[in-house]
Amino acid sequence: RRTLPKTVTVAGYTIPVLRQEIPDEQQMFGFFQATSDGAVICVDSRLTALRELAVFFHELIHAIDEGAGLGLRHTQVAGLGEMLAQSLKPHLKFGS
């Protein structure tokens, strides 16, 4: 199984990347959360490897968007995350 990086650096800030089960009632596969104390990217640990990668890229793009002040729409973030994962799929080995 492909593992995500433990951290990413965006705009000079190191952001932890967590894989954990996100309760179903939250109706999401991952999230990026920034506070005055720092930031975190979390991806649901129950996802397939390709879906995990797409969600990770989606949340990473949210982090980049916030760090750079780009003002991307959510549909743009979602599309970019999916396209990044699909473009890398042929070059990665997925165990699940």
C-alpha atoms as a PDB file:
ATOM      1  CA  ARG A   1       0.000   0.000   0.000  1.00  0.00           C
ATOM      2  CA  ARG A   2       1.306   3.409  -0.946  1.00  0.00           C
ATOM      3  CA  THR A   3       1.773   5.641   2.041  1.00  0.00           C
ATOM      4  CA  LEU A   4       1.354   9.375   2.076  1.00  0.00           C
ATOM      5  CA  PRO A   5       4.133  11.665   3.252  1.00  0.00           C
ATOM      6  CA  LYS A   6       4.169  12.324   6.996  1.00  0.00           C
ATOM      7  CA  THR A   7       4.491  16.063   6.367  1.00  0.00           C
ATOM      8  CA  VAL A   8       4.397  18.584   3.522  1.00  0.00           C
ATOM      9  CA  THR A   9       5.803  22.088   3.432  1.00  0.00           C
ATOM     10  CA  VAL A  10       3.616  24.867   2.062  1.00  0.00           C
ATOM     11  CA  ALA A  11       4.633  28.536   2.111  1.00  0.00           C
ATOM     12  CA  GLY A  12       7.387  27.725   4.600  1.00  0.00           C
ATOM     13  CA  TYR A  13       5.074  25.902   7.031  1.00  0.00           C
ATOM     14  CA  THR A  14       5.409  22.208   7.786  1.00  0.00           C
ATOM     15  CA  ILE A  15       1.975  20.584   7.762  1.00  0.00           C
ATOM     16  CA  PRO A  16       1.441  17.121   9.289  1.00  0.00           C
ATOM     17  CA  VAL A  17      -0.405  14.617   7.084  1.00  0.00           C
ATOM     18  CA  LEU A  18      -2.557  12.174   9.049  1.00  0.00           C
ATOM     19  CA  ARG A  19      -4.269   8.990   7.904  1.00  0.00           C
ATOM     20  CA  GLN A  20      -7.147   8.164  10.220  1.00  0.00           C
ATOM     21  CA  GLU A  21     -10.722   7.010  10.065  1.00  0.00           C
ATOM     22  CA  ILE A  22     -13.058   9.960   9.624  1.00  0.00           C
ATOM     23  CA  PRO A  23     -16.523   9.298  11.107  1.00  0.00           C
ATOM     24  CA  ASP A  24     -19.171   8.676   8.451  1.00  0.00           C
ATOM     25  CA  GLU A  25     -21.435  11.373   9.867  1.00  0.00           C
ATOM     26  CA  GLN A  26     -18.869  13.998   8.852  1.00  0.00           C
ATOM     27  CA  GLN A  27     -19.555  13.031   5.201  1.00  0.00           C
ATOM     28  CA  MET A  28     -16.026  13.739   3.979  1.00  0.00           C
ATOM     29  CA  PHE A  29     -12.978  11.786   2.866  1.00  0.00           C
ATOM     30  CA  GLY A  30     -10.400  14.267   4.137  1.00  0.00           C
ATOM     31  CA  PHE A  31      -9.822  17.809   5.256  1.00  0.00           C
ATOM     32  CA  PHE A  32      -7.317  20.629   5.493  1.00  0.00           C
ATOM     33  CA  GLN A  33      -7.589  22.689   8.627  1.00  0.00           C
ATOM     34  CA  ALA A  34      -5.563  25.809   9.386  1.00  0.00           C
ATOM     35  CA  THR A  35      -5.638  27.577  12.723  1.00  0.00           C
ATOM     36  CA  SER A  36      -3.472  30.157  14.433  1.00  0.00           C
ATOM     37  CA  ASP A  37      -1.593  27.217  16.023  1.00  0.00           C
ATOM     38  CA  GLY A  38      -0.753  25.504  12.736  1.00  0.00           C
ATOM     39  CA  ALA A  39      -2.383  23.330  10.118  1.00  0.00           C
ATOM     40  CA  VAL A  40      -3.113  19.685   9.377  1.00  0.00           C
ATOM     41  CA  ILE A  41      -4.145  17.548   6.402  1.00  0.00           C
ATOM     42  CA  CYS A  42      -6.157  14.453   7.264  1.00  0.00           C
ATOM     43  CA  VAL A  43      -7.144  11.657   4.852  1.00  0.00           C
ATOM     44  CA  ASP A  44      -9.567   8.849   5.700  1.00  0.00           C
ATOM     45  CA  SER A  45      -7.581   5.644   6.224  1.00  0.00           C
ATOM     46  CA  ARG A  46     -10.342   3.454   4.737  1.00  0.00           C
ATOM     47  CA  LEU A  47      -9.885   4.702   1.171  1.00  0.00           C
ATOM     48  CA  THR A  48      -8.344   2.757  -1.688  1.00  0.00           C
ATOM     49  CA  ALA A  49      -4.808   3.840  -2.554  1.00  0.00           C
ATOM     50  CA  LEU A  50      -5.837   5.809  -5.659  1.00  0.00           C
ATOM     51  CA  ARG A  51      -8.730   7.528  -3.858  1.00  0.00           C
ATOM     52  CA  GLU A  52      -6.418   8.298  -0.932  1.00  0.00           C
ATOM     53  CA  LEU A  53      -3.970   9.941  -3.310  1.00  0.00           C
ATOM     54  CA  ALA A  54      -6.721  12.017  -4.957  1.00  0.00           C
ATOM     55  CA  VAL A  55      -8.025  13.184  -1.570  1.00  0.00           C
ATOM     56  CA  PHE A  56      -4.493  13.987  -0.405  1.00  0.00           C
ATOM     57  CA  PHE A  57      -3.864  16.124  -3.502  1.00  0.00           C
ATOM     58  CA  HIS A  58      -7.259  17.794  -3.037  1.00  0.00           C
ATOM     59  CA  GLU A  59      -6.392  18.782   0.537  1.00  0.00           C
ATOM     60  CA  LEU A  60      -2.837  19.778  -0.426  1.00  0.00           C
ATOM     61  CA  ILE A  61      -4.260  22.106  -3.084  1.00  0.00           C
ATOM     62  CA  HIS A  62      -6.493  23.667  -0.411  1.00  0.00           C
ATOM     63  CA  ALA A  63      -3.354  24.273   1.669  1.00  0.00           C
ATOM     64  CA  ILE A  64      -1.484  25.787  -1.293  1.00  0.00           C
ATOM     65  CA  ASP A  65      -4.515  27.893  -2.190  1.00  0.00           C
ATOM     66  CA  GLU A  66      -4.698  29.297   1.327  1.00  0.00           C
ATOM     67  CA  GLY A  67      -0.931  29.843   1.559  1.00  0.00           C
ATOM     68  CA  ALA A  68      -0.772  31.638  -1.776  1.00  0.00           C
ATOM     69  CA  GLY A  69      -4.098  33.434  -1.496  1.00  0.00           C
ATOM     70  CA  LEU A  70      -5.245  32.167  -4.894  1.00  0.00           C
ATOM     71  CA  GLY A  71      -8.970  32.033  -4.151  1.00  0.00           C
ATOM     72  CA  LEU A  72      -9.660  28.800  -6.049  1.00  0.00           C
ATOM     73  CA  ARG A  73     -13.248  27.563  -6.194  1.00  0.00           C
ATOM     74  CA  HIS A  74     -13.919  24.175  -4.628  1.00  0.00           C
ATOM     75  CA  THR A  75     -14.729  22.687  -8.039  1.00  0.00           C
ATOM     76  CA  GLN A  76     -11.276  23.775  -9.253  1.00  0.00           C
ATOM     77  CA  VAL A  77      -9.599  22.198  -6.227  1.00  0.00           C
ATOM     78  CA  ALA A  78     -11.553  18.964  -6.722  1.00  0.00           C
ATOM     79  CA  GLY A  79     -10.731  18.801 -10.431  1.00  0.00           C
ATOM     80  CA  LEU A  80      -7.031  19.449  -9.879  1.00  0.00           C
ATOM     81  CA  GLY A  81      -6.812  16.801  -7.142  1.00  0.00           C
ATOM     82  CA  GLU A  82      -8.458  14.172  -9.328  1.00  0.00           C
ATOM     83  CA  MET A  83      -6.352  15.031 -12.383  1.00  0.00           C
ATOM     84  CA  LEU A  84      -3.085  14.898 -10.410  1.00  0.00           C
ATOM     85  CA  ALA A  85      -3.954  11.458  -9.039  1.00  0.00           C
ATOM     86  CA  GLN A  86      -4.994  10.174 -12.473  1.00  0.00           C
ATOM     87  CA  SER A  87      -1.847  11.525 -14.121  1.00  0.00           C
ATOM     88  CA  LEU A  88       0.382   9.729 -11.609  1.00  0.00           C
ATOM     89  CA  LYS A  89      -1.585   6.468 -11.563  1.00  0.00           C
ATOM     90  CA  PRO A  90       0.342   4.835 -14.449  1.00  0.00           C
ATOM     91  CA  HIS A  91       3.651   5.587 -12.699  1.00  0.00           C
ATOM     92  CA  LEU A  92       2.826   4.294  -9.225  1.00  0.00           C
ATOM     93  CA  LYS A  93       2.353   0.804  -7.858  1.00  0.00           C
ATOM     94  CA  PHE A  94      -0.742   0.444  -5.719  1.00  0.00           C
ATOM     95  CA  GLY A  95      -1.149  -2.464  -3.356  1.00  0.00           C
ATOM     96  CA  SER A  96      -4.842  -1.745  -2.774  1.00  0.00           C
END
